[in-house]
N, C-alpha and C. Protein backbone atom coordinates (compact mmCIF):
# COMPACT_ATOMS: atom_id res chain seq x y z
N MET A 1 -4.79 -12.16 -2.30
CA MET A 1 -5.51 -10.96 -1.96
C MET A 1 -4.78 -10.27 -0.80
N PRO A 2 -4.48 -9.00 -0.95
CA PRO A 2 -3.78 -8.32 0.14
C PRO A 2 -4.69 -8.06 1.32
N TRP A 3 -4.06 -7.90 2.49
CA TRP A 3 -4.80 -7.44 3.65
C TRP A 3 -4.68 -5.93 3.64
N CYS A 4 -5.79 -5.23 3.71
CA CYS A 4 -5.79 -3.77 3.77
C CYS A 4 -6.44 -3.37 5.07
N GLY A 5 -5.68 -2.62 5.86
CA GLY A 5 -6.24 -2.11 7.10
C GLY A 5 -7.40 -1.17 6.80
N PRO A 6 -8.32 -1.01 7.73
CA PRO A 6 -9.50 -0.17 7.49
C PRO A 6 -9.16 1.29 7.22
N SER A 7 -7.97 1.74 7.61
CA SER A 7 -7.57 3.13 7.37
C SER A 7 -6.64 3.28 6.18
N TYR A 8 -6.35 2.17 5.46
CA TYR A 8 -5.43 2.27 4.32
C TYR A 8 -6.05 3.13 3.23
N ARG A 9 -5.22 4.00 2.66
CA ARG A 9 -5.61 4.84 1.53
C ARG A 9 -4.51 4.79 0.50
N SER A 10 -4.87 4.98 -0.75
CA SER A 10 -3.90 5.08 -1.83
C SER A 10 -2.83 6.09 -1.44
N GLY A 11 -1.58 5.77 -1.72
CA GLY A 11 -0.47 6.64 -1.32
C GLY A 11 0.09 6.28 0.04
N GLY A 12 -0.42 5.22 0.65
CA GLY A 12 0.03 4.81 1.97
C GLY A 12 1.24 3.90 1.92
N VAL A 13 1.37 3.07 2.94
CA VAL A 13 2.50 2.16 3.09
C VAL A 13 2.01 0.73 2.87
N ALA A 14 2.71 0.01 2.00
CA ALA A 14 2.41 -1.41 1.77
C ALA A 14 3.61 -2.23 2.19
N VAL A 15 3.34 -3.37 2.80
CA VAL A 15 4.37 -4.30 3.25
C VAL A 15 4.24 -5.56 2.40
N VAL A 16 5.38 -6.04 1.88
CA VAL A 16 5.36 -7.25 1.06
C VAL A 16 6.28 -8.29 1.69
N ALA A 17 5.70 -9.43 2.05
CA ALA A 17 6.45 -10.54 2.64
C ALA A 17 6.56 -11.69 1.63
N ILE A 18 7.01 -12.85 2.11
CA ILE A 18 7.28 -13.97 1.21
C ILE A 18 6.01 -14.74 0.86
N ASN A 19 5.42 -15.44 1.82
CA ASN A 19 4.18 -16.18 1.63
C ASN A 19 3.57 -16.47 3.00
N MET A 20 2.46 -17.15 3.00
CA MET A 20 1.72 -17.38 4.25
C MET A 20 2.29 -18.52 5.08
N ASP A 21 3.47 -18.97 4.80
CA ASP A 21 4.09 -20.06 5.55
C ASP A 21 3.14 -21.24 5.54
N LYS A 22 2.88 -21.86 6.65
CA LYS A 22 2.04 -23.06 6.68
C LYS A 22 0.55 -22.75 6.86
N TYR A 23 0.20 -21.49 6.94
CA TYR A 23 -1.19 -21.13 7.22
C TYR A 23 -2.06 -21.25 5.98
N GLY A 24 -1.65 -20.60 4.90
CA GLY A 24 -2.37 -20.71 3.64
C GLY A 24 -3.77 -20.13 3.68
N GLY A 25 -4.33 -19.99 2.50
CA GLY A 25 -5.70 -19.53 2.38
C GLY A 25 -5.86 -18.04 2.54
N LEU A 26 -6.73 -17.45 1.72
CA LEU A 26 -6.94 -16.00 1.76
C LEU A 26 -7.52 -15.57 3.09
N GLY A 27 -8.46 -16.33 3.62
CA GLY A 27 -9.06 -15.96 4.89
C GLY A 27 -8.06 -15.96 6.03
N ALA A 28 -7.08 -16.88 5.97
CA ALA A 28 -6.07 -16.96 7.03
C ALA A 28 -5.26 -15.68 7.12
N HIS A 29 -4.90 -15.12 5.97
CA HIS A 29 -4.10 -13.90 5.94
C HIS A 29 -4.86 -12.77 6.66
N TRP A 30 -6.12 -12.61 6.37
CA TRP A 30 -6.93 -11.57 7.00
C TRP A 30 -7.11 -11.84 8.49
N TRP A 31 -7.39 -13.09 8.84
CA TRP A 31 -7.60 -13.43 10.24
C TRP A 31 -6.35 -13.14 11.07
N ILE A 32 -5.19 -13.53 10.56
CA ILE A 32 -3.93 -13.32 11.28
C ILE A 32 -3.68 -11.83 11.48
N ARG A 33 -3.81 -11.03 10.43
CA ARG A 33 -3.57 -9.59 10.55
C ARG A 33 -4.52 -8.96 11.56
N LEU A 34 -5.80 -9.27 11.47
CA LEU A 34 -6.77 -8.68 12.41
C LEU A 34 -6.45 -9.06 13.85
N GLU A 35 -6.09 -10.32 14.06
CA GLU A 35 -5.75 -10.79 15.40
C GLU A 35 -4.49 -10.08 15.91
N ARG A 36 -3.49 -9.92 15.08
CA ARG A 36 -2.24 -9.27 15.51
C ARG A 36 -2.47 -7.80 15.82
N VAL A 37 -3.31 -7.13 15.04
CA VAL A 37 -3.64 -5.73 15.34
C VAL A 37 -4.35 -5.64 16.67
N ARG A 38 -5.31 -6.54 16.92
CA ARG A 38 -6.03 -6.55 18.19
C ARG A 38 -5.06 -6.74 19.36
N GLU A 39 -4.12 -7.67 19.20
CA GLU A 39 -3.13 -7.92 20.26
C GLU A 39 -2.28 -6.68 20.52
N LEU A 40 -1.81 -6.03 19.45
CA LEU A 40 -1.00 -4.82 19.62
C LEU A 40 -1.81 -3.73 20.33
N LYS A 41 -3.03 -3.54 19.93
CA LYS A 41 -3.85 -2.49 20.53
C LYS A 41 -4.16 -2.77 21.99
N SER A 42 -4.05 -4.05 22.40
CA SER A 42 -4.25 -4.37 23.81
C SER A 42 -2.92 -4.38 24.59
N GLY A 43 -1.81 -4.02 23.92
CA GLY A 43 -0.53 -3.89 24.60
C GLY A 43 0.45 -5.03 24.39
N ARG A 44 0.08 -6.08 23.68
CA ARG A 44 0.97 -7.22 23.48
C ARG A 44 1.95 -6.93 22.34
N ARG A 45 3.21 -7.30 22.55
CA ARG A 45 4.27 -7.05 21.56
C ARG A 45 4.82 -8.36 21.02
N ARG A 46 4.20 -8.94 20.02
CA ARG A 46 4.82 -10.07 19.32
C ARG A 46 5.97 -9.48 18.51
N ALA A 47 7.10 -10.14 18.54
CA ALA A 47 8.31 -9.57 17.94
C ALA A 47 8.11 -9.15 16.49
N PHE A 48 7.66 -10.06 15.63
CA PHE A 48 7.53 -9.73 14.21
C PHE A 48 6.57 -8.57 13.99
N ASP A 49 5.38 -8.67 14.56
CA ASP A 49 4.35 -7.66 14.32
C ASP A 49 4.71 -6.31 14.90
N TYR A 50 5.33 -6.30 16.08
CA TYR A 50 5.71 -5.03 16.68
C TYR A 50 6.88 -4.39 15.92
N ARG A 51 7.91 -5.16 15.65
CA ARG A 51 9.10 -4.58 14.98
C ARG A 51 8.78 -4.11 13.57
N LEU A 52 8.14 -4.95 12.78
CA LEU A 52 7.79 -4.53 11.43
C LEU A 52 6.76 -3.41 11.47
N GLY A 53 5.82 -3.49 12.41
CA GLY A 53 4.83 -2.43 12.56
C GLY A 53 5.46 -1.10 12.96
N THR A 54 6.53 -1.15 13.74
CA THR A 54 7.25 0.08 14.08
C THR A 54 7.86 0.70 12.82
N PHE A 55 8.40 -0.14 11.97
CA PHE A 55 8.95 0.33 10.70
C PHE A 55 7.84 0.97 9.85
N VAL A 56 6.66 0.34 9.84
CA VAL A 56 5.50 0.88 9.12
C VAL A 56 5.13 2.25 9.70
N ALA A 57 5.08 2.34 11.03
CA ALA A 57 4.74 3.61 11.69
C ALA A 57 5.76 4.70 11.35
N LEU A 58 7.02 4.33 11.32
CA LEU A 58 8.06 5.31 10.96
C LEU A 58 7.90 5.80 9.53
N ALA A 59 7.60 4.88 8.61
CA ALA A 59 7.40 5.27 7.21
C ALA A 59 6.18 6.20 7.10
N GLN A 60 5.10 5.87 7.80
CA GLN A 60 3.91 6.71 7.76
C GLN A 60 4.20 8.10 8.34
N ALA A 61 4.92 8.15 9.45
CA ALA A 61 5.27 9.43 10.05
C ALA A 61 6.12 10.25 9.10
N SER A 62 7.07 9.59 8.46
CA SER A 62 7.94 10.29 7.52
C SER A 62 7.14 10.85 6.34
N LEU A 63 6.22 10.07 5.81
CA LEU A 63 5.37 10.55 4.71
C LEU A 63 4.56 11.77 5.13
N GLY A 64 4.08 11.77 6.37
CA GLY A 64 3.25 12.87 6.86
C GLY A 64 4.02 14.01 7.48
N GLY A 65 5.34 13.91 7.54
CA GLY A 65 6.14 14.96 8.15
C GLY A 65 6.02 15.03 9.65
N ALA A 66 5.58 13.93 10.27
CA ALA A 66 5.41 13.88 11.72
C ALA A 66 6.71 13.46 12.40
N PRO A 67 6.84 13.70 13.69
CA PRO A 67 8.04 13.26 14.42
C PRO A 67 8.16 11.73 14.37
N LEU A 68 9.40 11.26 14.37
CA LEU A 68 9.65 9.82 14.33
C LEU A 68 9.80 9.28 15.74
N ASP A 69 9.13 8.19 16.03
CA ASP A 69 9.19 7.55 17.34
C ASP A 69 9.70 6.13 17.12
N VAL A 70 10.93 5.86 17.54
CA VAL A 70 11.53 4.55 17.29
C VAL A 70 11.08 3.48 18.27
N GLU A 71 10.38 3.87 19.34
CA GLU A 71 9.82 2.90 20.29
C GLU A 71 8.38 3.27 20.63
N PRO A 72 7.49 3.19 19.63
CA PRO A 72 6.11 3.57 19.91
C PRO A 72 5.41 2.54 20.80
N GLU A 73 4.37 2.98 21.43
CA GLU A 73 3.54 2.07 22.21
C GLU A 73 2.91 1.05 21.27
N PRO A 74 2.69 -0.18 21.74
CA PRO A 74 2.08 -1.20 20.87
C PRO A 74 0.76 -0.74 20.25
N ALA A 75 -0.06 0.01 20.98
CA ALA A 75 -1.33 0.48 20.41
C ALA A 75 -1.09 1.36 19.19
N ARG A 76 -0.06 2.19 19.25
CA ARG A 76 0.28 3.05 18.10
C ARG A 76 0.71 2.19 16.91
N VAL A 77 1.45 1.11 17.18
CA VAL A 77 1.87 0.20 16.12
C VAL A 77 0.64 -0.48 15.50
N GLY A 78 -0.33 -0.85 16.35
CA GLY A 78 -1.58 -1.42 15.84
C GLY A 78 -2.29 -0.45 14.90
N GLU A 79 -2.30 0.82 15.26
CA GLU A 79 -2.91 1.85 14.42
C GLU A 79 -2.15 1.97 13.09
N ALA A 80 -0.83 1.85 13.15
CA ALA A 80 -0.04 1.91 11.92
C ALA A 80 -0.41 0.76 10.99
N TRP A 81 -0.55 -0.44 11.57
CA TRP A 81 -0.96 -1.59 10.75
C TRP A 81 -2.34 -1.34 10.15
N GLU A 82 -3.25 -0.72 10.89
CA GLU A 82 -4.59 -0.46 10.37
C GLU A 82 -4.57 0.49 9.19
N ALA A 83 -3.51 1.27 9.06
CA ALA A 83 -3.40 2.22 7.94
C ALA A 83 -2.47 1.69 6.85
N ALA A 84 -2.13 0.40 6.91
CA ALA A 84 -1.20 -0.19 5.95
C ALA A 84 -1.88 -1.32 5.17
N ALA A 85 -1.19 -1.76 4.13
CA ALA A 85 -1.60 -2.94 3.38
C ALA A 85 -0.49 -3.97 3.53
N PHE A 86 -0.85 -5.24 3.57
CA PHE A 86 0.13 -6.32 3.72
C PHE A 86 -0.14 -7.36 2.63
N LEU A 87 0.87 -7.58 1.81
CA LEU A 87 0.74 -8.49 0.68
C LEU A 87 1.76 -9.60 0.79
N GLU A 88 1.48 -10.70 0.14
CA GLU A 88 2.42 -11.81 0.06
C GLU A 88 2.93 -11.89 -1.37
N SER A 89 4.25 -12.03 -1.54
CA SER A 89 4.84 -12.14 -2.88
C SER A 89 4.33 -13.38 -3.60
N VAL A 90 4.28 -14.48 -2.87
CA VAL A 90 3.80 -15.75 -3.39
C VAL A 90 2.51 -16.08 -2.65
N LYS A 91 1.50 -16.43 -3.37
CA LYS A 91 0.17 -16.62 -2.78
C LYS A 91 -0.07 -18.03 -2.25
N CYS A 92 0.86 -18.95 -2.51
CA CYS A 92 0.67 -20.35 -2.13
C CYS A 92 1.50 -20.70 -0.89
N SER A 93 1.08 -21.75 -0.22
CA SER A 93 1.81 -22.29 0.92
C SER A 93 2.06 -23.77 0.67
N PRO A 94 3.17 -24.11 0.04
CA PRO A 94 3.43 -25.53 -0.24
C PRO A 94 3.49 -26.34 1.05
N GLU A 95 3.01 -27.54 0.99
CA GLU A 95 3.00 -28.42 2.16
C GLU A 95 4.39 -28.96 2.48
N GLN A 96 5.26 -29.05 1.50
CA GLN A 96 6.61 -29.58 1.73
C GLN A 96 7.63 -28.44 1.82
N GLY A 97 8.83 -28.77 2.26
CA GLY A 97 9.91 -27.77 2.31
C GLY A 97 9.62 -26.60 3.21
N VAL A 98 9.08 -26.85 4.39
CA VAL A 98 8.71 -25.81 5.36
C VAL A 98 7.96 -24.65 4.71
N SER A 99 7.10 -24.98 3.77
CA SER A 99 6.25 -24.01 3.08
C SER A 99 7.03 -23.02 2.23
N ALA A 100 8.29 -23.28 1.97
CA ALA A 100 9.10 -22.36 1.16
C ALA A 100 8.61 -22.39 -0.29
N PRO A 101 8.39 -21.23 -0.90
CA PRO A 101 7.97 -21.19 -2.29
C PRO A 101 9.02 -21.85 -3.20
N THR A 102 8.54 -22.51 -4.23
CA THR A 102 9.44 -23.14 -5.20
C THR A 102 9.95 -22.08 -6.18
N GLY A 103 10.95 -22.46 -6.95
CA GLY A 103 11.46 -21.55 -7.98
C GLY A 103 10.38 -21.14 -8.97
N ALA A 104 9.54 -22.10 -9.34
CA ALA A 104 8.45 -21.79 -10.28
C ALA A 104 7.49 -20.76 -9.68
N MET A 105 7.23 -20.86 -8.38
CA MET A 105 6.34 -19.89 -7.72
C MET A 105 6.96 -18.49 -7.77
N TRP A 106 8.25 -18.41 -7.49
CA TRP A 106 8.93 -17.11 -7.53
C TRP A 106 8.95 -16.55 -8.95
N ARG A 107 9.06 -17.41 -9.96
CA ARG A 107 9.07 -16.93 -11.35
C ARG A 107 7.70 -16.46 -11.79
N ASN A 108 6.64 -17.06 -11.26
CA ASN A 108 5.29 -16.77 -11.76
C ASN A 108 4.46 -15.84 -10.90
N CYS A 109 4.46 -16.03 -9.60
CA CYS A 109 3.54 -15.31 -8.72
C CYS A 109 3.70 -13.79 -8.72
N PRO A 110 4.90 -13.26 -8.46
CA PRO A 110 4.98 -11.79 -8.37
C PRO A 110 4.49 -11.08 -9.63
N ASP A 111 4.89 -11.57 -10.80
CA ASP A 111 4.44 -10.91 -12.03
C ASP A 111 2.95 -11.10 -12.28
N ARG A 112 2.45 -12.26 -11.92
CA ARG A 112 1.05 -12.56 -12.22
C ARG A 112 0.07 -11.92 -11.25
N TYR A 113 0.42 -11.85 -9.98
CA TYR A 113 -0.52 -11.36 -8.97
C TYR A 113 -0.05 -10.11 -8.25
N LEU A 114 1.17 -10.11 -7.75
CA LEU A 114 1.67 -9.00 -6.94
C LEU A 114 1.67 -7.69 -7.70
N VAL A 115 2.04 -7.75 -8.96
CA VAL A 115 2.11 -6.53 -9.77
C VAL A 115 0.74 -5.85 -9.85
N GLU A 116 -0.32 -6.64 -9.98
CA GLU A 116 -1.67 -6.07 -10.06
C GLU A 116 -2.11 -5.50 -8.70
N GLU A 117 -1.79 -6.20 -7.63
CA GLU A 117 -2.15 -5.71 -6.30
C GLU A 117 -1.50 -4.37 -6.01
N ILE A 118 -0.24 -4.24 -6.35
CA ILE A 118 0.46 -2.98 -6.11
C ILE A 118 -0.13 -1.87 -6.97
N ALA A 119 -0.48 -2.19 -8.20
CA ALA A 119 -1.09 -1.18 -9.07
C ALA A 119 -2.40 -0.66 -8.48
N VAL A 120 -3.22 -1.55 -7.95
CA VAL A 120 -4.51 -1.15 -7.37
C VAL A 120 -4.30 -0.36 -6.08
N LEU A 121 -3.39 -0.82 -5.23
CA LEU A 121 -3.16 -0.16 -3.94
C LEU A 121 -2.47 1.19 -4.08
N ALA A 122 -1.62 1.33 -5.10
CA ALA A 122 -0.89 2.58 -5.37
C ALA A 122 -0.21 3.15 -4.12
N PRO A 123 0.63 2.36 -3.45
CA PRO A 123 1.30 2.89 -2.25
C PRO A 123 2.41 3.88 -2.61
N SER A 124 2.73 4.74 -1.68
CA SER A 124 3.89 5.63 -1.84
C SER A 124 5.16 4.96 -1.36
N VAL A 125 5.03 4.07 -0.38
CA VAL A 125 6.17 3.37 0.18
C VAL A 125 5.85 1.88 0.19
N VAL A 126 6.81 1.08 -0.27
CA VAL A 126 6.69 -0.37 -0.22
C VAL A 126 7.84 -0.89 0.62
N ILE A 127 7.51 -1.64 1.66
CA ILE A 127 8.51 -2.23 2.54
C ILE A 127 8.63 -3.70 2.19
N ALA A 128 9.82 -4.12 1.81
CA ALA A 128 10.07 -5.52 1.48
C ALA A 128 10.58 -6.24 2.71
N VAL A 129 9.93 -7.36 3.06
CA VAL A 129 10.34 -8.17 4.19
C VAL A 129 11.13 -9.35 3.65
N GLY A 130 12.45 -9.22 3.66
CA GLY A 130 13.30 -10.30 3.18
C GLY A 130 13.91 -10.00 1.82
N LYS A 131 14.94 -10.75 1.52
CA LYS A 131 15.70 -10.53 0.29
C LYS A 131 14.91 -10.89 -0.96
N ALA A 132 14.24 -12.04 -0.97
CA ALA A 132 13.51 -12.46 -2.17
C ALA A 132 12.38 -11.50 -2.53
N PRO A 133 11.53 -11.09 -1.57
CA PRO A 133 10.53 -10.08 -1.93
C PRO A 133 11.16 -8.76 -2.39
N GLY A 134 12.28 -8.38 -1.76
CA GLY A 134 12.97 -7.16 -2.17
C GLY A 134 13.45 -7.23 -3.60
N GLN A 135 14.01 -8.36 -3.99
CA GLN A 135 14.48 -8.53 -5.37
C GLN A 135 13.31 -8.52 -6.35
N ALA A 136 12.20 -9.19 -5.99
CA ALA A 136 11.03 -9.20 -6.87
C ALA A 136 10.47 -7.78 -7.02
N LEU A 137 10.37 -7.06 -5.92
CA LEU A 137 9.85 -5.69 -5.98
C LEU A 137 10.77 -4.76 -6.76
N ARG A 138 12.05 -4.93 -6.56
CA ARG A 138 13.01 -4.09 -7.28
C ARG A 138 12.80 -4.25 -8.79
N ARG A 139 12.59 -5.48 -9.22
CA ARG A 139 12.37 -5.74 -10.64
C ARG A 139 11.00 -5.21 -11.09
N LEU A 140 9.95 -5.50 -10.32
CA LEU A 140 8.60 -5.09 -10.69
C LEU A 140 8.40 -3.59 -10.68
N LEU A 141 9.04 -2.92 -9.72
CA LEU A 141 8.87 -1.47 -9.58
C LEU A 141 9.94 -0.67 -10.32
N ASN A 142 10.83 -1.38 -11.01
CA ASN A 142 11.88 -0.75 -11.79
C ASN A 142 12.75 0.17 -10.94
N VAL A 143 13.15 -0.31 -9.78
CA VAL A 143 14.01 0.48 -8.89
C VAL A 143 15.45 0.34 -9.35
N GLN A 144 16.08 1.46 -9.56
CA GLN A 144 17.48 1.47 -9.96
C GLN A 144 18.34 1.71 -8.73
N LEU A 145 19.32 0.84 -8.53
CA LEU A 145 20.21 0.97 -7.38
C LEU A 145 21.52 1.60 -7.82
N ASP A 146 22.10 2.39 -6.93
CA ASP A 146 23.43 2.92 -7.21
C ASP A 146 24.39 2.36 -6.17
N GLU A 147 25.63 2.74 -6.23
CA GLU A 147 26.64 2.19 -5.34
C GLU A 147 26.33 2.43 -3.87
N ALA A 148 25.69 3.55 -3.55
CA ALA A 148 25.37 3.87 -2.15
C ALA A 148 24.11 3.15 -1.67
N ASN A 149 23.31 2.64 -2.59
CA ASN A 149 22.04 2.02 -2.23
C ASN A 149 21.94 0.66 -2.90
N ARG A 150 22.70 -0.31 -2.41
CA ARG A 150 22.81 -1.61 -3.08
C ARG A 150 21.69 -2.57 -2.75
N GLU A 151 21.21 -2.60 -1.55
CA GLU A 151 20.15 -3.53 -1.15
C GLU A 151 19.11 -2.78 -0.33
N PRO A 152 18.14 -2.18 -0.99
CA PRO A 152 17.15 -1.39 -0.25
C PRO A 152 16.21 -2.26 0.57
N TRP A 153 15.90 -1.82 1.76
CA TRP A 153 14.87 -2.46 2.56
C TRP A 153 13.54 -1.77 2.33
N VAL A 154 13.60 -0.50 2.00
CA VAL A 154 12.39 0.24 1.69
C VAL A 154 12.55 0.80 0.28
N LEU A 155 11.56 0.53 -0.54
CA LEU A 155 11.55 1.07 -1.89
C LEU A 155 10.54 2.20 -1.88
N ALA A 156 11.03 3.41 -1.75
CA ALA A 156 10.13 4.55 -1.53
C ALA A 156 9.85 5.28 -2.83
N ARG A 157 8.59 5.58 -3.03
CA ARG A 157 8.14 6.36 -4.18
C ARG A 157 8.72 5.83 -5.50
N ALA A 158 8.76 4.52 -5.61
CA ALA A 158 9.30 3.90 -6.81
C ALA A 158 8.30 4.03 -7.95
N GLU A 159 8.83 4.17 -9.15
CA GLU A 159 7.98 4.25 -10.33
C GLU A 159 7.48 2.84 -10.64
N PHE A 160 6.18 2.70 -10.78
CA PHE A 160 5.61 1.39 -11.08
C PHE A 160 5.64 1.19 -12.59
N VAL A 161 6.23 0.10 -13.02
CA VAL A 161 6.30 -0.22 -14.44
C VAL A 161 5.74 -1.61 -14.64
N ARG A 162 4.70 -1.73 -15.43
CA ARG A 162 4.16 -3.04 -15.74
C ARG A 162 5.04 -3.68 -16.80
N ARG A 163 5.48 -4.87 -16.50
CA ARG A 163 6.33 -5.60 -17.44
C ARG A 163 5.48 -6.64 -18.18
N PRO A 164 5.70 -6.77 -19.48
CA PRO A 164 4.96 -7.80 -20.21
C PRO A 164 5.37 -9.19 -19.75
N PRO A 165 4.43 -10.16 -19.82
CA PRO A 165 4.78 -11.52 -19.41
C PRO A 165 5.93 -12.08 -20.24
N GLY A 166 6.71 -12.97 -19.58
CA GLY A 166 7.83 -13.61 -20.28
C GLY A 166 9.04 -12.89 -20.10
């Protein structure tokens, strides 16, 4: 289940990461996001949440035609997270292998779950956190790369194509 900030609306920005690491559980994902937003809004800058949140804020500003701020205040980054959705490519947190998803998880999870979440959320911009989520999204969203755009970090306004199982 994705985390959707209270201000998220269809056409917004969605962030897709790998999995919940060692935390696991649907409630954990929501609890972590809410806590990180609270910390940002109180001025705390955790590296991951602030840096990725800055990228989210930049994407939102770009969509809205607003000025870009590459070093926003943490509270602004918290607001950006509140207007975003955060999904995990793989929904499981294996107990072994530092919680790294198995090959079977990568083959099954994105097509089975992530594709439906993205369809419901209908974001305009999808930010992939890491190579594996980027590759899964590129396939699921039917993003075509050219020589100048070989490894996208942001898949913007990609056409969503549902692929049949198998």
